[in-house]
Amino acid sequence: MPLHVIRADITTLECDAIVNAANTTLLGGGGVDGAIHKAAGPKLLDECRTLHGCKTGEAKITGGYNLPAKYVIHTAGPVWNGGNDGEEHLLRSCYRNSLNLAVENGCESVAFPLISSGVYGYPKADALDVAVSEISGFLFTHDDLTVYIVVFDKLGFEISQTLYKEVQAYIDQNYVEASEIRFSRGYERELQAKYALEKICCEPEPLQKELCSLDDVPYFVLDEGFSDMLLRKIDEKGMTDPECYKKANVDRKLFSKIKSNKNYKPSKNTVLAFAIALELSIEETDEMLMKAGFALSNSSLFDVIVGYFIENKKYNIFEINEALFKYDQCTL
């Protein structure tokens, strides 16, 4: 998927470029800046000296030296002064200029820390919103770039308190432990379909002959597959293929596989990503999952969190991923 939120040490990532949340001197500092300089070795500082600093919001690129990454993109984030000194504009510029530098230098993957969210004091939830907004917007016009937002530990990551409270309340109401497993809506529908089909097959010959038109045949007998349903829903929503897979945060190559192979078996996460991109109802989501052999379950914390967003018609996949990451769940 083009945008990932991961928990890792950014200095260990094997990608084309990592972004350094630097100060304006570019001569090293604390936090992620100090960690990157330490891991890269003294030659990084030598090259930084030739750059003559970096204005807030701008970005400059150097080699990666002893890092697994080929490049380091240095950007100077704003210091938080209450939000009235243009901090958001400057922070957005950090991401935008860094992404442009990555593309100009042929990078296919780039990893960011949450810029300015440490000692510079930018509120972490707001810093995350800016990062996701700028990166996801950029990726809509850059299919071949993969971007990581890297969080070192749980203390460095926050979502909005309003969203957190709403999701937690929904979890408290709907999540059940594995020992209390209930059938999900999707599984119940599957059982009902199988039961109805068995009943028809066991009916005497006259009833079977009465099912003489396609309108008479139940949907589960002539059911479309996942790929067929996906393409049909894209058409029904008036979307283009790129609009759908980009909104789903799904790689273009993966979408091509699904489109060209009607028997392709996607992962559950991929199905849910497309259901969210298409803004399907919970019933339609259950149907799409069932076509791929899956179902939502109240015994899965991941399923309950995703269910909250779908039932409340909140279809921003990046916001959903933020909540999933907050609860240590795999993201879409």
C-alpha atoms as a PDB file:
ATOM      1  CA  MET A   1       0.000   0.000   0.000  1.00  0.00           C
ATOM      2  CA  PRO A   2       1.309   3.485  -0.771  1.00  0.00           C
ATOM      3  CA  LEU A   3       1.098   4.957   2.775  1.00  0.00           C
ATOM      4  CA  HIS A   4       2.002   2.990   5.882  1.00  0.00           C
ATOM      5  CA  VAL A   5       2.178   3.960   9.538  1.00  0.00           C
ATOM      6  CA  ILE A   6       4.774   1.767  11.233  1.00  0.00           C
ATOM      7  CA  ARG A   7       6.569   1.502  14.558  1.00  0.00           C
ATOM      8  CA  ALA A   8      10.310   1.268  13.973  1.00  0.00           C
ATOM      9  CA  ASP A   9      13.704   2.926  14.313  1.00  0.00           C
ATOM     10  CA  ILE A  10      13.925   5.089  11.189  1.00  0.00           C
ATOM     11  CA  THR A  11      17.711   4.660  11.024  1.00  0.00           C
ATOM     12  CA  THR A  12      17.296   0.921  10.342  1.00  0.00           C
ATOM     13  CA  LEU A  13      14.849   1.155   7.443  1.00  0.00           C
ATOM     14  CA  GLU A  14      15.941  -0.095   4.036  1.00  0.00           C
ATOM     15  CA  CYS A  15      14.292   2.440   1.772  1.00  0.00           C
ATOM     16  CA  ASP A  16      15.533   4.906  -0.799  1.00  0.00           C
ATOM     17  CA  ALA A  17      15.357   7.910   1.513  1.00  0.00           C
ATOM     18  CA  ILE A  18      14.661   8.755   5.120  1.00  0.00           C
ATOM     19  CA  VAL A  19      13.660  12.225   6.255  1.00  0.00           C
ATOM     20  CA  ASN A  20      15.555  13.949   9.039  1.00  0.00           C
ATOM     21  CA  ALA A  21      13.624  16.359  11.268  1.00  0.00           C
ATOM     22  CA  ALA A  22      16.571  18.725  11.404  1.00  0.00           C
ATOM     23  CA  ASN A  23      17.186  22.176  12.780  1.00  0.00           C
ATOM     24  CA  THR A  24      17.937  25.113  10.489  1.00  0.00           C
ATOM     25  CA  THR A  25      21.734  24.734  10.835  1.00  0.00           C
ATOM     26  CA  LEU A  26      21.701  21.124   9.548  1.00  0.00           C
ATOM     27  CA  LEU A  27      24.620  20.481  11.903  1.00  0.00           C
ATOM     28  CA  GLY A  28      22.939  17.818  14.015  1.00  0.00           C
ATOM     29  CA  GLY A  29      20.992  17.962  17.234  1.00  0.00           C
ATOM     30  CA  GLY A  30      18.958  15.763  19.541  1.00  0.00           C
ATOM     31  CA  GLY A  31      16.139  13.316  18.981  1.00  0.00           C
ATOM     32  CA  VAL A  32      15.770  11.790  15.512  1.00  0.00           C
ATOM     33  CA  ASP A  33      18.282  14.325  14.132  1.00  0.00           C
ATOM     34  CA  GLY A  34      21.012  13.125  16.474  1.00  0.00           C
ATOM     35  CA  ALA A  35      20.123   9.476  15.920  1.00  0.00           C
ATOM     36  CA  ILE A  36      20.376   9.820  12.130  1.00  0.00           C
ATOM     37  CA  HIS A  37      23.747  11.601  12.310  1.00  0.00           C
ATOM     38  CA  LYS A  38      25.096   8.986  14.705  1.00  0.00           C
ATOM     39  CA  ALA A  39      23.979   6.096  12.494  1.00  0.00           C
ATOM     40  CA  ALA A  40      25.144   7.721   9.247  1.00  0.00           C
ATOM     41  CA  GLY A  41      28.608   8.569  10.522  1.00  0.00           C
ATOM     42  CA  PRO A  42      30.738  11.741  10.335  1.00  0.00           C
ATOM     43  CA  LYS A  43      30.622  12.053   6.543  1.00  0.00           C
ATOM     44  CA  LEU A  44      26.964  13.084   6.783  1.00  0.00           C
ATOM     45  CA  LEU A  45      27.905  16.098   8.901  1.00  0.00           C
ATOM     46  CA  ASP A  46      30.705  16.949   6.472  1.00  0.00           C
ATOM     47  CA  GLU A  47      28.232  17.113   3.585  1.00  0.00           C
ATOM     48  CA  CYS A  48      25.686  19.017   5.668  1.00  0.00           C
ATOM     49  CA  ARG A  49      28.251  21.734   6.286  1.00  0.00           C
ATOM     50  CA  THR A  50      28.369  22.389   2.535  1.00  0.00           C
ATOM     51  CA  LEU A  51      24.600  23.057   2.408  1.00  0.00           C
ATOM     52  CA  HIS A  52      24.760  26.255   4.519  1.00  0.00           C
ATOM     53  CA  GLY A  53      21.658  25.508   6.552  1.00  0.00           C
ATOM     54  CA  CYS A  54      17.997  25.116   5.663  1.00  0.00           C
ATOM     55  CA  LYS A  55      15.115  27.544   6.175  1.00  0.00           C
ATOM     56  CA  THR A  56      12.048  26.372   8.099  1.00  0.00           C
ATOM     57  CA  GLY A  57       9.711  24.523   5.745  1.00  0.00           C
ATOM     58  CA  GLU A  58      12.384  23.847   3.125  1.00  0.00           C
ATOM     59  CA  ALA A  59      14.279  20.608   2.461  1.00  0.00           C
ATOM     60  CA  LYS A  60      17.733  19.551   1.271  1.00  0.00           C
ATOM     61  CA  ILE A  61      19.166  16.155   0.353  1.00  0.00           C
ATOM     62  CA  THR A  62      22.426  14.353   1.147  1.00  0.00           C
ATOM     63  CA  GLY A  63      23.796  10.859   0.858  1.00  0.00           C
ATOM     64  CA  GLY A  64      22.917   8.220   3.431  1.00  0.00           C
ATOM     65  CA  TYR A  65      26.508   7.066   4.097  1.00  0.00           C
ATOM     66  CA  ASN A  66      26.391   4.313   6.758  1.00  0.00           C
ATOM     67  CA  LEU A  67      22.589   4.186   6.784  1.00  0.00           C
ATOM     68  CA  PRO A  68      20.644   1.482   4.908  1.00  0.00           C
ATOM     69  CA  ALA A  69      18.899   4.353   3.081  1.00  0.00           C
ATOM     70  CA  LYS A  70      20.533   5.796  -0.033  1.00  0.00           C
ATOM     71  CA  TYR A  71      19.586   9.380   0.835  1.00  0.00           C
ATOM     72  CA  VAL A  72      18.767  11.562   3.806  1.00  0.00           C
ATOM     73  CA  ILE A  73      16.321  14.397   3.168  1.00  0.00           C
ATOM     74  CA  HIS A  74      16.764  17.122   5.790  1.00  0.00           C
ATOM     75  CA  THR A  75      13.850  19.428   6.570  1.00  0.00           C
ATOM     76  CA  ALA A  76      13.501  22.047   9.288  1.00  0.00           C
ATOM     77  CA  GLY A  77      10.104  21.928  10.949  1.00  0.00           C
ATOM     78  CA  PRO A  78       8.395  24.811  12.746  1.00  0.00           C
ATOM     79  CA  VAL A  79       8.474  25.381  16.481  1.00  0.00           C
ATOM     80  CA  TRP A  80       4.959  25.349  17.925  1.00  0.00           C
ATOM     81  CA  ASN A  81       3.880  28.761  19.176  1.00  0.00           C
ATOM     82  CA  GLY A  82       0.194  28.119  19.708  1.00  0.00           C
ATOM     83  CA  GLY A  83      -0.728  27.670  16.071  1.00  0.00           C
ATOM     84  CA  ASN A  84      -1.048  31.323  15.107  1.00  0.00           C
ATOM     85  CA  ASP A  85       2.381  31.843  13.545  1.00  0.00           C
ATOM     86  CA  GLY A  86       1.867  29.861  10.343  1.00  0.00           C
ATOM     87  CA  GLU A  87       3.074  26.595  11.862  1.00  0.00           C
ATOM     88  CA  GLU A  88       0.690  24.417   9.858  1.00  0.00           C
ATOM     89  CA  HIS A  89       1.660  26.026   6.543  1.00  0.00           C
ATOM     90  CA  LEU A  90       5.348  25.539   7.342  1.00  0.00           C
ATOM     91  CA  LEU A  91       4.849  21.948   8.448  1.00  0.00           C
ATOM     92  CA  ARG A  92       2.956  21.132   5.251  1.00  0.00           C
ATOM     93  CA  SER A  93       5.807  22.679   3.286  1.00  0.00           C
ATOM     94  CA  CYS A  94       8.241  20.324   5.050  1.00  0.00           C
ATOM     95  CA  TYR A  95       6.377  17.275   3.788  1.00  0.00           C
ATOM     96  CA  ARG A  96       5.659  18.664   0.330  1.00  0.00           C
ATOM     97  CA  ASN A  97       9.242  19.806  -0.318  1.00  0.00           C
ATOM     98  CA  SER A  98      10.672  16.549   1.033  1.00  0.00           C
ATOM     99  CA  LEU A  99       8.391  14.467  -1.197  1.00  0.00           C
ATOM    100  CA  ASN A 100       9.296  16.527  -4.243  1.00  0.00           C
ATOM    101  CA  LEU A 101      13.005  16.032  -3.521  1.00  0.00           C
ATOM    102  CA  ALA A 102      12.463  12.283  -3.185  1.00  0.00           C
ATOM    103  CA  VAL A 103      10.749  12.074  -6.577  1.00  0.00           C
ATOM    104  CA  GLU A 104      13.312  14.345  -8.262  1.00  0.00           C
ATOM    105  CA  ASN A 105      16.056  11.967  -7.084  1.00  0.00           C
ATOM    106  CA  GLY A 106      14.322   8.831  -8.340  1.00  0.00           C
ATOM    107  CA  CYS A 107      13.207   7.502  -4.965  1.00  0.00           C
ATOM    108  CA  GLU A 108      10.498   4.858  -4.883  1.00  0.00           C
ATOM    109  CA  SER A 109      10.256   4.710  -1.078  1.00  0.00           C
ATOM    110  CA  VAL A 110      10.675   7.355   1.615  1.00  0.00           C
ATOM    111  CA  ALA A 111      10.214   7.293   5.386  1.00  0.00           C
ATOM    112  CA  PHE A 112       9.206  10.251   7.571  1.00  0.00           C
ATOM    113  CA  PRO A 113       9.260  10.820  11.305  1.00  0.00           C
ATOM    114  CA  LEU A 114       6.452  12.974  12.695  1.00  0.00           C
ATOM    115  CA  ILE A 115       8.156  16.286  12.037  1.00  0.00           C
ATOM    116  CA  SER A 116       8.089  18.917  14.830  1.00  0.00           C
ATOM    117  CA  SER A 117       6.162  16.620  17.198  1.00  0.00           C
ATOM    118  CA  GLY A 118       9.071  16.201  19.627  1.00  0.00           C
ATOM    119  CA  VAL A 119      10.946  19.022  21.342  1.00  0.00           C
ATOM    120  CA  TYR A 120       9.462  21.538  18.879  1.00  0.00           C
ATOM    121  CA  GLY A 121       6.152  20.979  20.630  1.00  0.00           C
ATOM    122  CA  TYR A 122       3.729  20.569  17.720  1.00  0.00           C
ATOM    123  CA  PRO A 123       0.706  18.660  19.133  1.00  0.00           C
ATOM    124  CA  LYS A 124       1.153  15.046  18.084  1.00  0.00           C
ATOM    125  CA  ALA A 125      -2.415  14.458  16.885  1.00  0.00           C
ATOM    126  CA  ASP A 126      -2.302  17.636  14.790  1.00  0.00           C
ATOM    127  CA  ALA A 127       1.153  16.789  13.452  1.00  0.00           C
ATOM    128  CA  LEU A 128      -0.155  13.384  12.377  1.00  0.00           C
ATOM    129  CA  ASP A 129      -3.153  14.940  10.616  1.00  0.00           C
ATOM    130  CA  VAL A 130      -0.878  17.273   8.658  1.00  0.00           C
ATOM    131  CA  ALA A 131       1.476  14.438   7.707  1.00  0.00           C
ATOM    132  CA  VAL A 132      -1.299  12.138   6.504  1.00  0.00           C
ATOM    133  CA  SER A 133      -3.099  14.937   4.665  1.00  0.00           C
ATOM    134  CA  GLU A 134      -0.026  16.128   2.763  1.00  0.00           C
ATOM    135  CA  ILE A 135       1.367  12.673   1.996  1.00  0.00           C
ATOM    136  CA  SER A 136      -1.940  11.154   0.871  1.00  0.00           C
ATOM    137  CA  GLY A 137      -2.637  14.176  -1.341  1.00  0.00           C
ATOM    138  CA  PHE A 138       0.801  13.856  -2.932  1.00  0.00           C
ATOM    139  CA  LEU A 139       0.340  10.140  -3.566  1.00  0.00           C
ATOM    140  CA  PHE A 140      -2.791  10.765  -5.621  1.00  0.00           C
ATOM    141  CA  THR A 141      -0.504  11.989  -8.400  1.00  0.00           C
ATOM    142  CA  HIS A 142       2.477   9.697  -7.740  1.00  0.00           C
ATOM    143  CA  ASP A 143       1.478   6.050  -8.154  1.00  0.00           C
ATOM    144  CA  ASP A 144       4.943   4.550  -7.817  1.00  0.00           C
ATOM    145  CA  LEU A 145       5.982   6.056  -4.488  1.00  0.00           C
ATOM    146  CA  THR A 146       5.659   4.230  -1.168  1.00  0.00           C
ATOM    147  CA  VAL A 147       5.732   6.383   1.975  1.00  0.00           C
ATOM    148  CA  TYR A 148       6.176   5.385   5.606  1.00  0.00           C
ATOM    149  CA  ILE A 149       5.296   7.451   8.665  1.00  0.00           C
ATOM    150  CA  VAL A 150       7.610   6.067  11.321  1.00  0.00           C
ATOM    151  CA  VAL A 151       6.801   6.192  15.021  1.00  0.00           C
ATOM    152  CA  PHE A 152       9.517   5.096  17.424  1.00  0.00           C
ATOM    153  CA  ASP A 153       7.240   4.276  20.375  1.00  0.00           C
ATOM    154  CA  LYS A 154       3.642   4.684  21.552  1.00  0.00           C
ATOM    155  CA  LEU A 155       4.489   7.919  23.347  1.00  0.00           C
ATOM    156  CA  GLY A 156       5.210   9.512  19.985  1.00  0.00           C
ATOM    157  CA  PHE A 157       1.771   8.813  18.537  1.00  0.00           C
ATOM    158  CA  GLU A 158      -1.625  10.299  19.317  1.00  0.00           C
ATOM    159  CA  ILE A 159      -4.980  10.556  17.571  1.00  0.00           C
ATOM    160  CA  SER A 160      -7.593  13.160  18.404  1.00  0.00           C
ATOM    161  CA  GLN A 161      -9.194  12.677  21.797  1.00  0.00           C
ATOM    162  CA  THR A 162     -12.674  12.990  20.290  1.00  0.00           C
ATOM    163  CA  LEU A 163     -12.032  10.158  17.846  1.00  0.00           C
ATOM    164  CA  TYR A 164     -10.341   8.043  20.508  1.00  0.00           C
ATOM    165  CA  LYS A 165     -13.286   8.382  22.896  1.00  0.00           C
ATOM    166  CA  GLU A 166     -15.818   7.536  20.169  1.00  0.00           C
ATOM    167  CA  VAL A 167     -13.905   4.462  19.032  1.00  0.00           C
ATOM    168  CA  GLN A 168     -13.335   3.300  22.619  1.00  0.00           C
ATOM    169  CA  ALA A 169     -17.034   3.657  23.439  1.00  0.00           C
ATOM    170  CA  TYR A 170     -17.919   1.595  20.369  1.00  0.00           C
ATOM    171  CA  ILE A 171     -15.381  -1.066  21.334  1.00  0.00           C
ATOM    172  CA  ASP A 172     -16.761  -1.230  24.869  1.00  0.00           C
ATOM    173  CA  GLN A 173     -20.252  -1.761  23.474  1.00  0.00           C
ATOM    174  CA  ASN A 174     -19.462  -4.241  20.701  1.00  0.00           C
ATOM    175  CA  TYR A 175     -16.220  -6.104  21.342  1.00  0.00           C
ATOM    176  CA  VAL A 176     -16.493  -9.553  22.884  1.00  0.00           C
ATOM    177  CA  GLU A 177     -13.682 -11.823  23.991  1.00  0.00           C
ATOM    178  CA  ALA A 178     -12.902 -14.949  22.005  1.00  0.00           C
ATOM    179  CA  SER A 179     -14.618 -17.046  24.666  1.00  0.00           C
ATOM    180  CA  GLU A 180     -17.877 -15.204  23.903  1.00  0.00           C
ATOM    181  CA  ILE A 181     -17.727 -15.469  20.088  1.00  0.00           C
ATOM    182  CA  ARG A 182     -20.950 -14.589  18.314  1.00  0.00           C
ATOM    183  CA  PHE A 183     -21.726 -15.243  14.666  1.00  0.00           C
ATOM    184  CA  SER A 184     -21.050 -12.153  12.597  1.00  0.00           C
ATOM    185  CA  ARG A 185     -23.623 -10.719  10.227  1.00  0.00           C
ATOM    186  CA  GLY A 186     -21.651 -11.989   7.235  1.00  0.00           C
ATOM    187  CA  TYR A 187     -21.399 -15.518   8.567  1.00  0.00           C
ATOM    188  CA  GLU A 188     -25.079 -15.568   9.448  1.00  0.00           C
ATOM    189  CA  ARG A 189     -25.947 -14.569   5.880  1.00  0.00           C
ATOM    190  CA  GLU A 190     -23.682 -17.281   4.518  1.00  0.00           C
ATOM    191  CA  LEU A 191     -25.400 -19.916   6.653  1.00  0.00           C
ATOM    192  CA  GLN A 192     -28.824 -18.664   5.599  1.00  0.00           C
ATOM    193  CA  ALA A 193     -27.805 -18.832   1.940  1.00  0.00           C
ATOM    194  CA  LYS A 194     -26.491 -22.385   2.285  1.00  0.00           C
ATOM    195  CA  TYR A 195     -29.634 -23.472   4.123  1.00  0.00           C
ATOM    196  CA  ALA A 196     -31.898 -21.962   1.463  1.00  0.00           C
ATOM    197  CA  LEU A 197     -29.918 -23.570  -1.357  1.00  0.00           C
ATOM    198  CA  GLU A 198     -30.061 -26.979   0.322  1.00  0.00           C
ATOM    199  CA  LYS A 199     -33.813 -26.579   0.748  1.00  0.00           C
ATOM    200  CA  ILE A 200     -34.306 -25.836  -2.962  1.00  0.00           C
ATOM    201  CA  CYS A 201     -32.172 -28.812  -4.001  1.00  0.00           C
ATOM    202  CA  CYS A 202     -34.265 -31.080  -1.799  1.00  0.00           C
ATOM    203  CA  GLU A 203     -37.631 -29.854  -3.098  1.00  0.00           C
ATOM    204  CA  PRO A 204     -39.625 -32.129  -5.406  1.00  0.00           C
ATOM    205  CA  GLU A 205     -39.099 -31.879  -9.176  1.00  0.00           C
ATOM    206  CA  PRO A 206     -42.057 -29.514  -9.919  1.00  0.00           C
ATOM    207  CA  LEU A 207     -40.583 -26.706  -7.800  1.00  0.00           C
ATOM    208  CA  GLN A 208     -37.191 -27.056  -9.439  1.00  0.00           C
ATOM    209  CA  LYS A 209     -38.795 -26.707 -12.880  1.00  0.00           C
ATOM    210  CA  GLU A 210     -40.566 -23.510 -11.819  1.00  0.00           C
ATOM    211  CA  LEU A 211     -37.191 -21.727 -11.487  1.00  0.00           C
ATOM    212  CA  CYS A 212     -37.122 -21.143 -15.213  1.00  0.00           C
ATOM    213  CA  SER A 213     -35.788 -17.541 -15.426  1.00  0.00           C
ATOM    214  CA  LEU A 214     -32.738 -15.792 -13.994  1.00  0.00           C
ATOM    215  CA  ASP A 215     -35.026 -13.625 -11.869  1.00  0.00           C
ATOM    216  CA  ASP A 216     -36.224 -16.763 -10.155  1.00  0.00           C
ATOM    217  CA  VAL A 217     -32.745 -17.964  -9.202  1.00  0.00           C
ATOM    218  CA  PRO A 218     -31.523 -16.779  -5.751  1.00  0.00           C
ATOM    219  CA  TYR A 219     -28.498 -14.456  -5.720  1.00  0.00           C
ATOM    220  CA  PHE A 220     -26.295 -17.031  -4.025  1.00  0.00           C
ATOM    221  CA  VAL A 221     -26.759 -19.515  -6.894  1.00  0.00           C
ATOM    222  CA  LEU A 222     -25.641 -17.153  -9.657  1.00  0.00           C
ATOM    223  CA  ASP A 223     -23.456 -15.051  -7.345  1.00  0.00           C
ATOM    224  CA  GLU A 224     -20.698 -12.840  -8.749  1.00  0.00           C
ATOM    225  CA  GLY A 225     -17.183 -13.101  -7.421  1.00  0.00           C
ATOM    226  CA  PHE A 226     -15.237 -10.488  -5.483  1.00  0.00           C
ATOM    227  CA  SER A 227     -13.560  -9.033  -8.570  1.00  0.00           C
ATOM    228  CA  ASP A 228     -16.879  -8.746 -10.395  1.00  0.00           C
ATOM    229  CA  MET A 229     -18.557  -7.050  -7.451  1.00  0.00           C
ATOM    230  CA  LEU A 230     -15.656  -4.637  -7.023  1.00  0.00           C
ATOM    231  CA  LEU A 231     -15.722  -3.539 -10.665  1.00  0.00           C
ATOM    232  CA  ARG A 232     -19.520  -3.281 -10.638  1.00  0.00           C
ATOM    233  CA  LYS A 233     -19.485  -1.103  -7.535  1.00  0.00           C
ATOM    234  CA  ILE A 234     -16.811   1.161  -9.032  1.00  0.00           C
ATOM    235  CA  ASP A 235     -19.084   1.728 -12.027  1.00  0.00           C
ATOM    236  CA  GLU A 236     -22.153   2.244  -9.852  1.00  0.00           C
ATOM    237  CA  LYS A 237     -20.331   4.874  -7.781  1.00  0.00           C
ATOM    238  CA  GLY A 238     -19.236   6.701 -10.935  1.00  0.00           C
ATOM    239  CA  MET A 239     -15.563   6.333  -9.977  1.00  0.00           C
ATOM    240  CA  THR A 240     -12.570   5.657 -12.169  1.00  0.00           C
ATOM    241  CA  ASP A 241     -10.296   2.730 -11.344  1.00  0.00           C
ATOM    242  CA  PRO A 242      -7.439   5.017 -10.186  1.00  0.00           C
ATOM    243  CA  GLU A 243      -9.805   7.029  -7.988  1.00  0.00           C
ATOM    244  CA  CYS A 244     -10.901   3.832  -6.292  1.00  0.00           C
ATOM    245  CA  TYR A 245      -7.546   2.170  -5.667  1.00  0.00           C
ATOM    246  CA  LYS A 246      -5.928   5.426  -4.560  1.00  0.00           C
ATOM    247  CA  LYS A 247      -8.758   6.160  -2.152  1.00  0.00           C
ATOM    248  CA  ALA A 248      -8.377   2.585  -0.879  1.00  0.00           C
ATOM    249  CA  ASN A 249      -4.622   3.133  -0.361  1.00  0.00           C
ATOM    250  CA  VAL A 250      -4.064   0.074  -2.554  1.00  0.00           C
ATOM    251  CA  ASP A 251      -1.099  -0.340  -4.879  1.00  0.00           C
ATOM    252  CA  ARG A 252      -1.856   0.012  -8.602  1.00  0.00           C
ATOM    253  CA  LYS A 253      -0.159  -3.311  -9.386  1.00  0.00           C
ATOM    254  CA  LEU A 254      -2.354  -5.139  -6.884  1.00  0.00           C
ATOM    255  CA  PHE A 255      -5.479  -3.589  -8.360  1.00  0.00           C
ATOM    256  CA  SER A 256      -4.378  -4.723 -11.829  1.00  0.00           C
ATOM    257  CA  LYS A 257      -4.034  -8.298 -10.562  1.00  0.00           C
ATOM    258  CA  ILE A 258      -7.524  -8.224  -9.099  1.00  0.00           C
ATOM    259  CA  LYS A 259      -9.020  -6.727 -12.250  1.00  0.00           C
ATOM    260  CA  SER A 260      -7.330  -9.142 -14.649  1.00  0.00           C
ATOM    261  CA  ASN A 261      -7.941 -12.293 -12.609  1.00  0.00           C
ATOM    262  CA  LYS A 262     -11.544 -12.928 -11.591  1.00  0.00           C
ATOM    263  CA  ASN A 263     -10.380 -15.776  -9.355  1.00  0.00           C
ATOM    264  CA  TYR A 264      -7.866 -13.647  -7.453  1.00  0.00           C
ATOM    265  CA  LYS A 265      -8.179 -14.146  -3.697  1.00  0.00           C
ATOM    266  CA  PRO A 266      -7.501 -10.852  -1.894  1.00  0.00           C
ATOM    267  CA  SER A 267      -6.617 -10.464   1.758  1.00  0.00           C
ATOM    268  CA  LYS A 268      -9.320  -9.394   4.181  1.00  0.00           C
ATOM    269  CA  ASN A 269      -7.585  -6.046   4.616  1.00  0.00           C
ATOM    270  CA  THR A 270      -7.671  -5.428   0.874  1.00  0.00           C
ATOM    271  CA  VAL A 271     -11.399  -6.199   0.698  1.00  0.00           C
ATOM    272  CA  LEU A 272     -12.115  -3.811   3.553  1.00  0.00           C
ATOM    273  CA  ALA A 273      -9.944  -1.114   1.991  1.00  0.00           C
ATOM    274  CA  PHE A 274     -12.018  -1.254  -1.185  1.00  0.00           C
ATOM    275  CA  ALA A 275     -15.294  -1.346   0.773  1.00  0.00           C
ATOM    276  CA  ILE A 276     -14.237   1.839   2.541  1.00  0.00           C
ATOM    277  CA  ALA A 277     -13.087   3.527  -0.670  1.00  0.00           C
ATOM    278  CA  LEU A 278     -16.472   2.734  -2.219  1.00  0.00           C
ATOM    279  CA  GLU A 279     -18.252   3.946   0.935  1.00  0.00           C
ATOM    280  CA  LEU A 280     -20.263   0.749   1.207  1.00  0.00           C
ATOM    281  CA  SER A 281     -22.827   0.191   3.932  1.00  0.00           C
ATOM    282  CA  ILE A 282     -22.129  -2.415   6.594  1.00  0.00           C
ATOM    283  CA  GLU A 283     -24.446  -4.839   4.773  1.00  0.00           C
ATOM    284  CA  GLU A 284     -22.669  -4.295   1.457  1.00  0.00           C
ATOM    285  CA  THR A 285     -19.333  -4.687   3.205  1.00  0.00           C
ATOM    286  CA  ASP A 286     -20.481  -8.012   4.649  1.00  0.00           C
ATOM    287  CA  GLU A 287     -21.472  -9.134   1.163  1.00  0.00           C
ATOM    288  CA  MET A 288     -18.139  -8.128  -0.376  1.00  0.00           C
ATOM    289  CA  LEU A 289     -16.240  -9.875   2.414  1.00  0.00           C
ATOM    290  CA  MET A 290     -18.284 -13.034   1.979  1.00  0.00           C
ATOM    291  CA  LYS A 291     -17.433 -13.166  -1.732  1.00  0.00           C
ATOM    292  CA  ALA A 292     -13.758 -13.336  -0.751  1.00  0.00           C
ATOM    293  CA  GLY A 293     -14.363 -15.884   2.013  1.00  0.00           C
ATOM    294  CA  PHE A 294     -14.294 -13.534   4.998  1.00  0.00           C
ATOM    295  CA  ALA A 295     -16.681 -12.021   7.545  1.00  0.00           C
ATOM    296  CA  LEU A 296     -16.662  -9.414  10.297  1.00  0.00           C
ATOM    297  CA  SER A 297     -16.650 -10.723  13.839  1.00  0.00           C
ATOM    298  CA  ASN A 298     -17.296  -9.010  17.168  1.00  0.00           C
ATOM    299  CA  SER A 299     -14.559 -11.187  18.648  1.00  0.00           C
ATOM    300  CA  SER A 300     -11.931  -9.379  16.558  1.00  0.00           C
ATOM    301  CA  LEU A 301     -10.809  -5.974  17.829  1.00  0.00           C
ATOM    302  CA  PHE A 302      -9.643  -5.114  14.317  1.00  0.00           C
ATOM    303  CA  ASP A 303     -13.095  -5.906  12.893  1.00  0.00           C
ATOM    304  CA  VAL A 304     -14.888  -3.921  15.580  1.00  0.00           C
ATOM    305  CA  ILE A 305     -12.760  -0.824  14.971  1.00  0.00           C
ATOM    306  CA  VAL A 306     -13.307  -0.968  11.209  1.00  0.00           C
ATOM    307  CA  GLY A 307     -17.001  -1.630  11.834  1.00  0.00           C
ATOM    308  CA  TYR A 308     -17.249   1.561  13.888  1.00  0.00           C
ATOM    309  CA  PHE A 309     -16.067   3.677  10.976  1.00  0.00           C
ATOM    310  CA  ILE A 310     -18.289   1.955   8.401  1.00  0.00           C
ATOM    311  CA  GLU A 311     -21.428   2.073  10.541  1.00  0.00           C
ATOM    312  CA  ASN A 312     -20.811   5.756  11.238  1.00  0.00           C
ATOM    313  CA  LYS A 313     -20.078   6.482   7.556  1.00  0.00           C
ATOM    314  CA  LYS A 314     -16.545   7.679   8.291  1.00  0.00           C
ATOM    315  CA  TYR A 315     -14.713   6.576   5.153  1.00  0.00           C
ATOM    316  CA  ASN A 316     -11.294   8.211   5.467  1.00  0.00           C
ATOM    317  CA  ILE A 317      -8.997   5.210   5.289  1.00  0.00           C
ATOM    318  CA  PHE A 318      -6.060   7.101   6.774  1.00  0.00           C
ATOM    319  CA  GLU A 319      -8.100   8.096   9.821  1.00  0.00           C
ATOM    320  CA  ILE A 320      -9.142   4.451  10.157  1.00  0.00           C
ATOM    321  CA  ASN A 321      -5.504   3.374  10.000  1.00  0.00           C
ATOM    322  CA  GLU A 322      -4.582   5.892  12.676  1.00  0.00           C
ATOM    323  CA  ALA A 323      -7.154   4.321  14.998  1.00  0.00           C
ATOM    324  CA  LEU A 324      -6.017   0.791  14.133  1.00  0.00           C
ATOM    325  CA  PHE A 325      -2.405   1.731  14.796  1.00  0.00           C
ATOM    326  CA  LYS A 326      -3.371   3.314  18.126  1.00  0.00           C
ATOM    327  CA  TYR A 327      -4.839  -0.039  19.216  1.00  0.00           C
ATOM    328  CA  ASP A 328      -1.832  -2.035  17.927  1.00  0.00           C
ATOM    329  CA  GLN A 329      -3.822  -3.546  15.063  1.00  0.00           C
ATOM    330  CA  CYS A 330      -2.580  -4.117  11.538  1.00  0.00           C
ATOM    331  CA  THR A 331      -3.539  -1.288   9.223  1.00  0.00           C
ATOM    332  CA  LEU A 332      -5.437  -1.347   5.941  1.00  0.00           C
END
